[in-house]
N, C-alpha and C. Protein backbone atom coordinates (compact mmCIF):
# COMPACT_ATOMS: atom_id res chain seq x y z
N MET A 1 0.83 -1.21 0.00
CA MET A 1 0.00 0.00 0.00
C MET A 1 0.86 1.26 0.00
N LYS A 2 1.86 1.23 0.92
CA LYS A 2 2.76 2.38 0.97
C LYS A 2 3.54 2.53 -0.33
N LYS A 3 3.89 1.39 -0.91
CA LYS A 3 4.63 1.45 -2.19
C LYS A 3 3.74 2.07 -3.27
N GLY A 4 2.44 1.75 -3.23
CA GLY A 4 1.53 2.30 -4.24
C GLY A 4 1.40 3.80 -4.13
N ILE A 5 1.30 4.24 -2.87
CA ILE A 5 1.18 5.70 -2.67
C ILE A 5 2.45 6.41 -3.13
N ALA A 6 3.59 5.83 -2.80
CA ALA A 6 4.85 6.42 -3.21
C ALA A 6 4.96 6.48 -4.72
N LEU A 7 4.50 5.42 -5.38
CA LEU A 7 4.55 5.39 -6.84
C LEU A 7 3.68 6.49 -7.44
N LEU A 8 2.47 6.66 -6.87
CA LEU A 8 1.58 7.71 -7.38
C LEU A 8 2.17 9.10 -7.18
N LEU A 9 2.79 9.34 -6.02
CA LEU A 9 3.43 10.63 -5.77
C LEU A 9 4.57 10.89 -6.74
N GLY A 10 5.31 9.83 -7.04
CA GLY A 10 6.43 9.98 -7.98
C GLY A 10 5.94 10.35 -9.37
N LEU A 11 4.84 9.72 -9.80
CA LEU A 11 4.28 10.03 -11.13
C LEU A 11 3.77 11.47 -11.19
N ALA A 12 3.11 11.86 -10.08
CA ALA A 12 2.60 13.24 -10.06
C ALA A 12 3.72 14.26 -10.14
N LEU A 13 4.81 14.01 -9.43
CA LEU A 13 5.95 14.92 -9.46
C LEU A 13 6.58 14.98 -10.84
N THR A 14 6.67 13.83 -11.50
CA THR A 14 7.25 13.78 -12.85
C THR A 14 6.41 14.56 -13.84
N CYS A 15 5.07 14.37 -13.75
CA CYS A 15 4.18 15.11 -14.67
C CYS A 15 4.26 16.61 -14.42
N GLY A 16 4.37 17.00 -13.13
CA GLY A 16 4.48 18.42 -12.81
C GLY A 16 5.71 19.04 -13.38
N LEU A 17 6.84 18.37 -13.33
CA LEU A 17 8.08 18.88 -13.90
C LEU A 17 7.98 19.00 -15.41
N ALA A 18 7.35 18.03 -16.03
CA ALA A 18 7.18 18.05 -17.48
C ALA A 18 6.33 19.23 -17.91
N ALA A 19 5.27 19.48 -17.12
CA ALA A 19 4.39 20.62 -17.44
C ALA A 19 5.14 21.93 -17.34
N CYS A 20 6.02 22.09 -16.31
CA CYS A 20 6.82 23.32 -16.17
C CYS A 20 7.75 23.50 -17.35
N ASN A 21 8.36 22.45 -17.81
CA ASN A 21 9.26 22.54 -18.96
C ASN A 21 8.53 22.96 -20.21
N ASP A 22 7.31 22.46 -20.44
CA ASP A 22 6.52 22.85 -21.61
C ASP A 22 6.16 24.33 -21.55
N ALA A 23 5.79 24.80 -20.34
CA ALA A 23 5.44 26.21 -20.20
C ALA A 23 6.63 27.09 -20.50
N GLY A 24 7.81 26.70 -20.02
CA GLY A 24 9.01 27.47 -20.30
C GLY A 24 9.32 27.47 -21.76
N SER A 25 9.12 26.35 -22.43
CA SER A 25 9.39 26.27 -23.86
C SER A 25 8.41 27.14 -24.64
N SER A 26 7.13 27.14 -24.20
CA SER A 26 6.12 27.91 -24.90
C SER A 26 6.39 29.41 -24.78
N SER A 27 6.70 29.87 -23.56
CA SER A 27 6.97 31.31 -23.41
C SER A 27 8.25 31.70 -24.11
N GLY A 28 9.21 30.82 -24.16
CA GLY A 28 10.45 31.12 -24.86
C GLY A 28 10.25 31.26 -26.35
N SER A 29 9.24 30.58 -26.90
CA SER A 29 9.02 30.64 -28.35
C SER A 29 8.50 32.00 -28.78
N THR A 30 8.00 32.82 -27.84
CA THR A 30 7.51 34.15 -28.23
C THR A 30 8.64 35.17 -28.32
N ALA A 31 9.80 34.88 -27.78
CA ALA A 31 10.89 35.84 -27.76
C ALA A 31 11.34 36.25 -29.16
N PRO A 32 11.48 35.31 -30.12
CA PRO A 32 11.90 35.75 -31.46
C PRO A 32 10.92 36.72 -32.10
N ASP A 33 9.61 36.53 -31.84
CA ASP A 33 8.64 37.45 -32.41
C ASP A 33 8.82 38.85 -31.85
N SER A 34 9.07 38.94 -30.54
CA SER A 34 9.26 40.25 -29.91
C SER A 34 10.50 40.93 -30.44
N SER A 35 11.58 40.23 -30.56
CA SER A 35 12.82 40.85 -31.03
C SER A 35 12.77 41.16 -32.51
N SER A 36 11.98 40.40 -33.26
CA SER A 36 11.92 40.64 -34.71
C SER A 36 11.21 41.95 -35.04
N SER A 37 10.41 42.47 -34.07
CA SER A 37 9.71 43.75 -34.34
C SER A 37 10.62 44.94 -34.14
N THR A 38 11.76 44.76 -33.50
CA THR A 38 12.65 45.87 -33.20
C THR A 38 13.23 46.55 -34.43
N PRO A 39 13.70 45.79 -35.45
CA PRO A 39 14.30 46.45 -36.62
C PRO A 39 13.35 47.42 -37.33
N SER A 40 12.04 47.10 -37.37
CA SER A 40 11.12 47.99 -38.06
C SER A 40 11.04 49.34 -37.35
N VAL A 41 11.13 49.33 -36.00
CA VAL A 41 11.13 50.57 -35.24
C VAL A 41 12.42 51.35 -35.50
N GLN A 42 13.55 50.67 -35.58
CA GLN A 42 14.83 51.32 -35.83
C GLN A 42 14.87 51.89 -37.24
N ASP A 43 14.23 51.18 -38.17
CA ASP A 43 14.22 51.67 -39.55
C ASP A 43 13.52 53.03 -39.64
N SER A 44 12.50 53.24 -38.80
CA SER A 44 11.75 54.49 -38.89
C SER A 44 12.57 55.69 -38.46
N SER A 45 13.66 55.44 -37.75
CA SER A 45 14.49 56.56 -37.30
C SER A 45 15.77 56.67 -38.11
N SER A 46 15.86 55.92 -39.22
CA SER A 46 17.06 55.97 -40.06
C SER A 46 17.05 57.24 -40.89
N GLU A 47 18.15 57.48 -41.61
CA GLU A 47 18.26 58.69 -42.43
C GLU A 47 17.15 58.73 -43.47
N PRO A 48 16.51 59.87 -43.71
CA PRO A 48 15.42 59.96 -44.68
C PRO A 48 15.89 59.67 -46.09
N GLU A 49 15.03 59.01 -46.85
CA GLU A 49 15.35 58.69 -48.24
C GLU A 49 15.14 59.93 -49.11
N SER A 50 15.73 59.90 -50.30
CA SER A 50 15.55 61.00 -51.24
C SER A 50 14.19 60.88 -51.92
N GLY A 51 13.84 61.89 -52.69
CA GLY A 51 12.58 61.84 -53.41
C GLY A 51 11.40 62.40 -52.63
N ARG A 52 11.66 63.02 -51.50
CA ARG A 52 10.58 63.53 -50.68
C ARG A 52 10.11 64.91 -51.17
N THR A 53 8.95 65.31 -50.65
CA THR A 53 8.34 66.59 -51.03
C THR A 53 8.31 67.52 -49.82
N LEU A 54 8.67 68.78 -50.06
CA LEU A 54 8.66 69.79 -49.01
C LEU A 54 7.75 70.93 -49.43
N VAL A 55 6.91 71.38 -48.51
CA VAL A 55 6.04 72.53 -48.77
C VAL A 55 6.48 73.67 -47.85
N VAL A 56 7.11 74.67 -48.44
CA VAL A 56 7.60 75.84 -47.70
C VAL A 56 6.60 76.97 -47.90
N TYR A 57 6.31 77.70 -46.83
CA TYR A 57 5.34 78.79 -47.01
C TYR A 57 5.54 79.90 -46.00
N PHE A 58 5.18 81.10 -46.43
CA PHE A 58 5.02 82.25 -45.53
C PHE A 58 3.56 82.64 -45.60
N SER A 59 2.92 82.77 -44.46
CA SER A 59 1.50 83.13 -44.43
C SER A 59 1.31 84.34 -43.53
N ALA A 60 0.69 85.36 -44.08
CA ALA A 60 0.48 86.59 -43.31
C ALA A 60 -0.82 86.54 -42.52
N THR A 61 -1.89 86.01 -43.14
CA THR A 61 -3.21 86.01 -42.49
C THR A 61 -3.81 84.63 -42.34
N GLY A 62 -3.09 83.59 -42.77
CA GLY A 62 -3.59 82.23 -42.62
C GLY A 62 -4.05 81.58 -43.90
N ASN A 63 -4.28 82.36 -44.96
CA ASN A 63 -4.76 81.79 -46.22
C ASN A 63 -3.71 80.91 -46.90
N THR A 64 -2.48 81.40 -46.93
CA THR A 64 -1.41 80.61 -47.56
C THR A 64 -1.12 79.36 -46.73
N GLU A 65 -1.24 79.48 -45.42
CA GLU A 65 -1.04 78.31 -44.56
C GLU A 65 -2.07 77.22 -44.88
N GLU A 66 -3.31 77.61 -45.10
CA GLU A 66 -4.35 76.66 -45.44
C GLU A 66 -4.03 75.94 -46.74
N ALA A 67 -3.61 76.69 -47.76
CA ALA A 67 -3.24 76.07 -49.03
C ALA A 67 -2.05 75.15 -48.86
N ALA A 68 -1.07 75.57 -48.08
CA ALA A 68 0.12 74.75 -47.85
C ALA A 68 -0.24 73.44 -47.17
N ASN A 69 -1.12 73.49 -46.19
CA ASN A 69 -1.55 72.27 -45.50
C ASN A 69 -2.24 71.30 -46.46
N LEU A 70 -3.07 71.83 -47.34
CA LEU A 70 -3.78 70.99 -48.30
C LEU A 70 -2.80 70.34 -49.28
N ILE A 71 -1.81 71.09 -49.72
CA ILE A 71 -0.80 70.54 -50.64
C ILE A 71 0.02 69.46 -49.94
N ALA A 72 0.40 69.70 -48.71
CA ALA A 72 1.17 68.71 -47.96
C ALA A 72 0.37 67.43 -47.76
N GLN A 73 -0.92 67.56 -47.48
CA GLN A 73 -1.76 66.38 -47.31
C GLN A 73 -1.86 65.58 -48.60
N ALA A 74 -2.02 66.29 -49.72
CA ALA A 74 -2.21 65.61 -51.00
C ALA A 74 -0.94 64.97 -51.53
N THR A 75 0.22 65.51 -51.14
CA THR A 75 1.50 65.00 -51.65
C THR A 75 2.27 64.19 -50.61
N ASP A 76 1.71 64.07 -49.41
CA ASP A 76 2.41 63.42 -48.30
C ASP A 76 3.74 64.14 -48.06
N GLY A 77 3.70 65.45 -48.16
CA GLY A 77 4.92 66.26 -48.02
C GLY A 77 5.10 66.80 -46.61
N ASP A 78 6.29 67.29 -46.36
CA ASP A 78 6.61 67.93 -45.08
C ASP A 78 6.36 69.43 -45.19
N LEU A 79 6.03 70.04 -44.07
CA LEU A 79 5.75 71.47 -44.02
C LEU A 79 6.90 72.23 -43.36
N PHE A 80 7.18 73.42 -43.89
CA PHE A 80 8.19 74.28 -43.29
C PHE A 80 7.70 75.71 -43.39
N GLU A 81 7.38 76.30 -42.25
CA GLU A 81 6.85 77.67 -42.24
C GLU A 81 7.98 78.68 -42.11
N LEU A 82 7.92 79.72 -42.91
CA LEU A 82 8.87 80.82 -42.83
C LEU A 82 8.32 81.85 -41.85
N VAL A 83 9.03 82.02 -40.74
CA VAL A 83 8.57 82.91 -39.68
C VAL A 83 9.54 84.07 -39.51
N PRO A 84 9.09 85.30 -39.72
CA PRO A 84 9.98 86.45 -39.52
C PRO A 84 10.39 86.57 -38.04
N GLN A 85 11.63 86.97 -37.83
CA GLN A 85 12.07 87.20 -36.46
C GLN A 85 11.25 88.32 -35.81
N ASP A 86 10.85 89.28 -36.62
CA ASP A 86 9.98 90.35 -36.16
C ASP A 86 8.62 90.14 -36.84
N PRO A 87 7.73 89.40 -36.21
CA PRO A 87 6.46 89.04 -36.85
C PRO A 87 5.62 90.27 -37.23
N TYR A 88 4.81 90.09 -38.26
CA TYR A 88 3.93 91.16 -38.71
C TYR A 88 2.65 91.18 -37.85
N THR A 89 2.29 92.34 -37.38
CA THR A 89 1.04 92.51 -36.67
C THR A 89 -0.06 92.88 -37.67
N ASP A 90 -1.29 92.91 -37.20
CA ASP A 90 -2.39 93.33 -38.07
C ASP A 90 -2.17 94.76 -38.57
N ASP A 91 -1.67 95.61 -37.69
CA ASP A 91 -1.40 96.99 -38.10
C ASP A 91 -0.28 97.03 -39.14
N ASP A 92 0.73 96.18 -38.97
CA ASP A 92 1.83 96.13 -39.93
C ASP A 92 1.32 95.78 -41.33
N LEU A 93 0.29 94.94 -41.38
CA LEU A 93 -0.21 94.41 -42.66
C LEU A 93 -1.28 95.30 -43.29
N ASN A 94 -1.61 96.41 -42.67
CA ASN A 94 -2.65 97.29 -43.18
C ASN A 94 -2.11 98.11 -44.35
N TRP A 95 -2.32 97.59 -45.55
CA TRP A 95 -1.77 98.24 -46.74
C TRP A 95 -2.48 99.54 -47.10
N THR A 96 -3.62 99.79 -46.46
CA THR A 96 -4.32 101.06 -46.72
C THR A 96 -3.78 102.20 -45.86
N ASP A 97 -2.90 101.85 -44.90
CA ASP A 97 -2.29 102.87 -44.05
C ASP A 97 -0.89 103.19 -44.58
N GLU A 98 -0.70 104.40 -45.05
CA GLU A 98 0.57 104.76 -45.67
C GLU A 98 1.74 104.71 -44.68
N ASN A 99 1.45 104.63 -43.41
CA ASN A 99 2.50 104.56 -42.40
C ASN A 99 2.74 103.14 -41.87
N SER A 100 2.06 102.17 -42.44
CA SER A 100 2.20 100.80 -41.96
C SER A 100 3.53 100.20 -42.42
N ARG A 101 3.89 99.10 -41.80
CA ARG A 101 5.17 98.45 -42.10
C ARG A 101 5.25 97.97 -43.55
N VAL A 102 4.19 97.30 -44.02
CA VAL A 102 4.27 96.76 -45.38
C VAL A 102 4.33 97.87 -46.42
N VAL A 103 3.65 98.95 -46.18
CA VAL A 103 3.71 100.07 -47.12
C VAL A 103 5.11 100.66 -47.12
N SER A 104 5.69 100.82 -45.95
CA SER A 104 7.05 101.36 -45.86
C SER A 104 8.04 100.43 -46.56
N GLU A 105 7.89 99.13 -46.36
CA GLU A 105 8.80 98.17 -47.01
C GLU A 105 8.60 98.16 -48.52
N HIS A 106 7.35 98.30 -48.94
CA HIS A 106 7.10 98.34 -50.38
C HIS A 106 7.73 99.57 -51.02
N ASP A 107 7.58 100.70 -50.35
CA ASP A 107 8.10 101.95 -50.90
C ASP A 107 9.62 102.06 -50.78
N ASN A 108 10.20 101.27 -49.89
CA ASN A 108 11.65 101.31 -49.66
C ASN A 108 12.21 99.88 -49.75
N PRO A 109 12.55 99.44 -50.96
CA PRO A 109 13.01 98.07 -51.16
C PRO A 109 14.16 97.63 -50.26
N ASP A 110 14.96 98.57 -49.80
CA ASP A 110 16.08 98.20 -48.93
C ASP A 110 15.60 97.73 -47.56
N GLN A 111 14.32 97.92 -47.26
CA GLN A 111 13.74 97.46 -46.00
C GLN A 111 13.13 96.07 -46.12
N ARG A 112 13.18 95.48 -47.29
CA ARG A 112 12.51 94.20 -47.51
C ARG A 112 13.36 92.98 -47.13
N ASP A 113 14.53 93.22 -46.63
CA ASP A 113 15.37 92.11 -46.20
C ASP A 113 14.90 91.65 -44.81
N VAL A 114 13.88 90.80 -44.81
CA VAL A 114 13.23 90.38 -43.57
C VAL A 114 13.95 89.15 -43.01
N ALA A 115 14.54 89.31 -41.83
CA ALA A 115 15.24 88.18 -41.19
C ALA A 115 14.24 87.13 -40.73
N LEU A 116 14.58 85.86 -40.98
CA LEU A 116 13.70 84.76 -40.62
C LEU A 116 14.25 84.02 -39.41
N VAL A 117 13.36 83.40 -38.66
CA VAL A 117 13.78 82.56 -37.54
C VAL A 117 14.68 81.44 -38.06
N ALA A 118 14.35 80.89 -39.22
CA ALA A 118 15.17 79.86 -39.87
C ALA A 118 14.96 79.95 -41.37
N ASP A 119 16.04 79.91 -42.14
CA ASP A 119 15.92 79.98 -43.60
C ASP A 119 16.52 78.76 -44.28
N THR A 120 16.93 77.76 -43.51
CA THR A 120 17.42 76.49 -44.07
C THR A 120 16.67 75.35 -43.43
N VAL A 121 16.61 74.22 -44.15
CA VAL A 121 15.80 73.08 -43.74
C VAL A 121 16.68 71.88 -43.45
N GLU A 122 16.40 71.20 -42.36
CA GLU A 122 17.14 69.98 -42.03
C GLU A 122 16.89 68.93 -43.12
N ASN A 123 17.93 68.20 -43.48
CA ASN A 123 17.84 67.15 -44.51
C ASN A 123 17.39 67.71 -45.86
N TRP A 124 17.84 68.90 -46.17
CA TRP A 124 17.47 69.58 -47.42
C TRP A 124 17.74 68.71 -48.64
N ASP A 125 18.84 67.98 -48.64
CA ASP A 125 19.21 67.18 -49.80
C ASP A 125 18.25 66.03 -50.06
N SER A 126 17.43 65.67 -49.09
CA SER A 126 16.52 64.54 -49.27
C SER A 126 15.26 64.93 -50.04
N TYR A 127 15.06 66.22 -50.30
CA TYR A 127 13.86 66.68 -50.99
C TYR A 127 14.15 66.91 -52.47
N ASP A 128 13.34 66.29 -53.30
CA ASP A 128 13.45 66.47 -54.76
C ASP A 128 12.45 67.49 -55.28
N THR A 129 11.33 67.63 -54.58
CA THR A 129 10.27 68.55 -55.00
C THR A 129 9.99 69.54 -53.89
N VAL A 130 10.00 70.83 -54.23
CA VAL A 130 9.78 71.88 -53.23
C VAL A 130 8.69 72.82 -53.72
N PHE A 131 7.60 72.89 -52.97
CA PHE A 131 6.56 73.89 -53.21
C PHE A 131 6.87 75.11 -52.34
N ILE A 132 6.72 76.29 -52.91
CA ILE A 132 6.96 77.53 -52.15
C ILE A 132 5.72 78.41 -52.25
N GLY A 133 5.11 78.68 -51.09
CA GLY A 133 3.87 79.44 -51.08
C GLY A 133 4.00 80.78 -50.37
N TYR A 134 3.17 81.73 -50.80
CA TYR A 134 3.24 83.10 -50.28
C TYR A 134 1.99 83.88 -50.69
N PRO A 135 1.67 84.93 -49.96
CA PRO A 135 0.64 85.85 -50.43
C PRO A 135 1.24 86.79 -51.47
N ILE A 136 0.41 87.33 -52.30
CA ILE A 136 0.85 88.32 -53.28
C ILE A 136 0.75 89.71 -52.66
N TRP A 137 1.88 90.41 -52.67
CA TRP A 137 1.93 91.79 -52.19
C TRP A 137 2.35 92.69 -53.35
N TRP A 138 1.46 93.60 -53.73
CA TRP A 138 1.74 94.53 -54.83
C TRP A 138 2.24 93.79 -56.08
N GLY A 139 1.60 92.68 -56.39
CA GLY A 139 1.89 91.96 -57.62
C GLY A 139 3.10 91.05 -57.59
N ILE A 140 3.79 90.96 -56.46
CA ILE A 140 4.97 90.08 -56.35
C ILE A 140 4.83 89.22 -55.10
N ALA A 141 5.74 88.25 -54.96
CA ALA A 141 5.73 87.40 -53.78
C ALA A 141 6.04 88.22 -52.53
N ALA A 142 5.33 87.96 -51.46
CA ALA A 142 5.63 88.64 -50.19
C ALA A 142 7.11 88.45 -49.88
N TRP A 143 7.81 89.53 -49.63
CA TRP A 143 9.27 89.50 -49.57
C TRP A 143 9.89 88.67 -48.45
N PRO A 144 9.18 88.28 -47.39
CA PRO A 144 9.82 87.37 -46.44
C PRO A 144 10.27 86.04 -47.08
N VAL A 145 9.69 85.71 -48.23
CA VAL A 145 10.09 84.49 -48.93
C VAL A 145 11.48 84.65 -49.57
N ASP A 146 11.86 85.86 -49.90
CA ASP A 146 13.10 86.09 -50.63
C ASP A 146 14.32 85.53 -49.90
N GLY A 147 14.35 85.72 -48.58
CA GLY A 147 15.51 85.26 -47.81
C GLY A 147 15.70 83.76 -47.91
N PHE A 148 14.60 83.01 -47.89
CA PHE A 148 14.70 81.56 -48.01
C PHE A 148 15.21 81.15 -49.39
N VAL A 149 14.67 81.78 -50.41
CA VAL A 149 15.06 81.44 -51.79
C VAL A 149 16.54 81.72 -52.01
N GLN A 150 17.03 82.83 -51.48
CA GLN A 150 18.43 83.20 -51.68
C GLN A 150 19.39 82.37 -50.82
N ALA A 151 18.88 81.78 -49.75
CA ALA A 151 19.74 81.06 -48.81
C ALA A 151 19.96 79.60 -49.18
N ASN A 152 19.24 79.10 -50.19
CA ASN A 152 19.30 77.67 -50.48
C ASN A 152 19.68 77.37 -51.93
N ASP A 153 20.30 76.22 -52.12
CA ASP A 153 20.69 75.76 -53.44
C ASP A 153 19.64 74.77 -53.94
N PHE A 154 18.96 75.12 -55.01
CA PHE A 154 17.86 74.31 -55.55
C PHE A 154 18.32 73.38 -56.67
N THR A 155 19.61 73.24 -56.84
CA THR A 155 20.13 72.37 -57.90
C THR A 155 19.54 70.97 -57.77
N GLY A 156 19.01 70.45 -58.88
CA GLY A 156 18.47 69.09 -58.89
C GLY A 156 17.05 68.99 -58.34
N LYS A 157 16.46 70.11 -57.97
CA LYS A 157 15.12 70.08 -57.40
C LYS A 157 14.10 70.67 -58.36
N THR A 158 12.89 70.13 -58.30
CA THR A 158 11.76 70.72 -59.01
C THR A 158 11.05 71.66 -58.05
N VAL A 159 10.90 72.92 -58.44
CA VAL A 159 10.35 73.94 -57.55
C VAL A 159 9.04 74.45 -58.15
N ILE A 160 7.99 74.46 -57.32
CA ILE A 160 6.68 74.89 -57.79
C ILE A 160 6.15 75.99 -56.88
N PRO A 161 6.04 77.22 -57.36
CA PRO A 161 5.48 78.29 -56.53
C PRO A 161 3.95 78.23 -56.50
N PHE A 162 3.38 78.71 -55.42
CA PHE A 162 1.92 78.90 -55.36
C PHE A 162 1.65 80.11 -54.48
N CYS A 163 0.55 80.78 -54.74
CA CYS A 163 0.25 81.99 -53.98
C CYS A 163 -1.22 82.04 -53.63
N THR A 164 -1.55 82.92 -52.71
CA THR A 164 -2.94 83.20 -52.38
C THR A 164 -3.16 84.70 -52.50
N SER A 165 -4.33 85.07 -52.96
CA SER A 165 -4.68 86.49 -53.08
C SER A 165 -6.18 86.62 -53.23
N SER A 166 -6.68 87.80 -52.96
CA SER A 166 -8.11 88.03 -53.11
C SER A 166 -8.50 88.23 -54.57
N SER A 167 -7.58 88.76 -55.36
CA SER A 167 -7.91 89.02 -56.77
C SER A 167 -6.70 88.90 -57.70
N SER A 168 -5.53 89.30 -57.23
CA SER A 168 -4.35 89.30 -58.10
C SER A 168 -3.94 87.89 -58.50
N GLY A 169 -3.40 87.76 -59.70
CA GLY A 169 -2.90 86.48 -60.16
C GLY A 169 -1.47 86.27 -59.71
N LEU A 170 -0.88 85.17 -60.18
CA LEU A 170 0.50 84.85 -59.83
C LEU A 170 1.47 85.88 -60.39
N GLY A 171 1.11 86.45 -61.53
CA GLY A 171 1.97 87.46 -62.15
C GLY A 171 3.36 86.94 -62.43
N GLU A 172 4.35 87.79 -62.20
CA GLU A 172 5.74 87.42 -62.42
C GLU A 172 6.42 86.93 -61.14
N SER A 173 5.63 86.69 -60.10
CA SER A 173 6.22 86.35 -58.81
C SER A 173 7.09 85.09 -58.87
N GLY A 174 6.60 84.07 -59.54
CA GLY A 174 7.38 82.85 -59.64
C GLY A 174 8.65 83.04 -60.44
N GLN A 175 8.54 83.78 -61.54
CA GLN A 175 9.70 84.05 -62.39
C GLN A 175 10.77 84.85 -61.63
N LEU A 176 10.33 85.83 -60.85
CA LEU A 176 11.27 86.64 -60.09
C LEU A 176 11.98 85.81 -59.02
N LEU A 177 11.26 84.89 -58.39
CA LEU A 177 11.89 84.02 -57.41
C LEU A 177 12.88 83.08 -58.07
N GLU A 178 12.53 82.59 -59.24
CA GLU A 178 13.45 81.73 -59.99
C GLU A 178 14.74 82.46 -60.31
N GLU A 179 14.62 83.71 -60.72
CA GLU A 179 15.82 84.51 -61.03
C GLU A 179 16.65 84.73 -59.77
N ALA A 180 15.98 84.95 -58.65
CA ALA A 180 16.71 85.16 -57.40
C ALA A 180 17.42 83.90 -56.95
N ALA A 181 16.79 82.75 -57.18
CA ALA A 181 17.39 81.47 -56.78
C ALA A 181 18.58 81.12 -57.67
N GLY A 182 18.38 81.25 -58.97
CA GLY A 182 19.47 80.96 -59.92
C GLY A 182 19.71 79.48 -60.14
N THR A 183 19.02 78.61 -59.41
CA THR A 183 19.18 77.16 -59.56
C THR A 183 17.82 76.48 -59.46
N GLY A 184 17.78 75.23 -59.89
CA GLY A 184 16.54 74.47 -59.80
C GLY A 184 15.73 74.52 -61.08
N THR A 185 14.81 73.57 -61.22
CA THR A 185 13.88 73.54 -62.34
C THR A 185 12.54 74.06 -61.83
N TRP A 186 12.19 75.25 -62.24
CA TRP A 186 10.99 75.91 -61.74
C TRP A 186 9.82 75.71 -62.70
N LEU A 187 8.70 75.27 -62.16
CA LEU A 187 7.49 75.09 -62.96
C LEU A 187 6.58 76.31 -62.78
N GLU A 188 5.63 76.44 -63.70
CA GLU A 188 4.66 77.52 -63.58
C GLU A 188 3.81 77.28 -62.34
N GLY A 189 3.56 78.31 -61.59
CA GLY A 189 2.85 78.17 -60.34
C GLY A 189 1.35 78.29 -60.47
N GLU A 190 0.71 78.44 -59.32
CA GLU A 190 -0.76 78.52 -59.28
C GLU A 190 -1.19 79.52 -58.22
N ARG A 191 -2.27 80.23 -58.53
CA ARG A 191 -2.86 81.16 -57.56
C ARG A 191 -4.13 80.54 -57.00
N PHE A 192 -4.29 80.63 -55.66
CA PHE A 192 -5.48 80.13 -55.00
C PHE A 192 -6.18 81.29 -54.30
N SER A 193 -7.49 81.20 -54.22
CA SER A 193 -8.25 82.21 -53.49
C SER A 193 -8.23 81.89 -52.00
N SER A 194 -8.81 82.76 -51.21
CA SER A 194 -8.79 82.57 -49.76
C SER A 194 -9.63 81.38 -49.32
N ASN A 195 -10.54 80.92 -50.17
CA ASN A 195 -11.37 79.77 -49.82
C ASN A 195 -10.94 78.53 -50.61
N VAL A 196 -9.63 78.32 -50.71
CA VAL A 196 -9.10 77.18 -51.45
C VAL A 196 -9.63 75.88 -50.85
N SER A 197 -9.91 74.91 -51.73
CA SER A 197 -10.44 73.63 -51.28
C SER A 197 -9.47 72.50 -51.63
N GLN A 198 -9.69 71.34 -51.03
CA GLN A 198 -8.87 70.17 -51.34
C GLN A 198 -9.02 69.79 -52.80
N ALA A 199 -10.24 69.93 -53.34
CA ALA A 199 -10.48 69.60 -54.74
C ALA A 199 -9.68 70.51 -55.67
N ASP A 200 -9.60 71.81 -55.32
CA ASP A 200 -8.80 72.74 -56.12
C ASP A 200 -7.34 72.31 -56.16
N VAL A 201 -6.83 71.97 -55.00
CA VAL A 201 -5.42 71.59 -54.89
C VAL A 201 -5.15 70.30 -55.65
N GLU A 202 -5.98 69.31 -55.46
CA GLU A 202 -5.75 68.01 -56.11
C GLU A 202 -5.86 68.13 -57.63
N SER A 203 -6.78 68.94 -58.10
CA SER A 203 -6.92 69.15 -59.55
C SER A 203 -5.65 69.77 -60.12
N TRP A 204 -5.11 70.74 -59.42
CA TRP A 204 -3.87 71.39 -59.86
C TRP A 204 -2.69 70.42 -59.84
N LEU A 205 -2.58 69.67 -58.77
CA LEU A 205 -1.46 68.73 -58.65
C LEU A 205 -1.51 67.67 -59.76
N GLN A 206 -2.69 67.22 -60.11
CA GLN A 206 -2.81 66.25 -61.20
C GLN A 206 -2.35 66.84 -62.52
N SER A 207 -2.58 68.13 -62.71
CA SER A 207 -2.17 68.77 -63.96
C SER A 207 -0.66 68.91 -64.06
N LEU A 208 0.03 68.88 -62.91
CA LEU A 208 1.49 69.00 -62.91
C LEU A 208 2.16 67.72 -63.36
N ASP A 209 1.49 66.59 -63.15
CA ASP A 209 2.02 65.29 -63.57
C ASP A 209 3.44 65.06 -63.01
N LEU A 210 3.57 65.25 -61.72
CA LEU A 210 4.88 65.10 -61.09
C LEU A 210 5.26 63.62 -60.97
């Protein structure tokens, strides 16, 4: 009788050890799956590939920013806002006031050298296509854009200007920026109204056949 009980206890202990070994083996089999997911996370932080799209813009009242956001969404592009070190106030932008900042800058071209918080872009070489947006001021691109255009080398890049205005067209603004840049392949730009829509942007982008 005692031998039988001892035998049963021995079998139970053996089965218990076997069960622990199986559990350890089962949990160990999940380790390769966990470690295999690590490279994909590391890849996302690697150096950016070439062929990317950048949307650069200066927006005085928010209209150009809206167009820039729509273009970035449609092209899966990155956004880069041009911010003056001395931002424009509403009074500064009052073109009907002969004493306002924009009127003074318009009348005195030597005052149009507007310093920017940043005029160069990280990983600039990774971008093949660059959209540059601005409001139209007195028939030309708002001059805070000039500093960015002059500070960068557009060699090998396709550059597409776009503007926003209540009534004025693109005019010679894109051509003048191209001359100031001196590099890059510049395409004809597009003018958007203050109520630009996603459909407007997508229709234009399709016509570019990039």
